[in-house]
């Protein structure tokens, strides 16, 4: 890990207790194939660490390469407005090959969201500013690709397999896996 650090913010999407000994913060892009692969590894890590892990996600849509990434981030935020961010997060990664508006609306229906409110939020870019703030915090923290992980506030520049993340966590200050 290098000296670049990042702290949790009140706007973050958090899964697990913020007081858990390990905080894994990910900057991700829903259309990024590497992020899709990392999602499975993060789930394996969550199973291994259980309540000792707090997962934080921030949007970092690479719109030049991934034209549907920002729209997908809007969908995650719209689901989050109804308390279903993590369920939509999972659906988006499971369905990276179809992040069209029609598909996003279908996913909203699968989650029993208010589909009309969801569609309006996505189409009107209601969460654009929040997504932009996430992106800019990443830029200021040295994020230049996805996925990028921070473990207990410190950037992890190694592989993103569950084993590599666990090894990095074991060597991280303030962690006790």
Foldseek 3Di string as FASTA:
>chain_A
DDDQFDDDDPPWDKDADPPQLKEKEKAAFLLDVLVLVLVVQVVVLCVVCPRNYMYTYAYAHPCVVQVLRLLLVLLLVLCVVVPCNVVSSVVSSVPSVDSDLVVSLVSCVVVVHPSVSSSCSSVVVVCVVRNVVSNVSCVVSPDDDPTWMAMPGHTDPDDSGNVSVVVVQVVDPSGDD
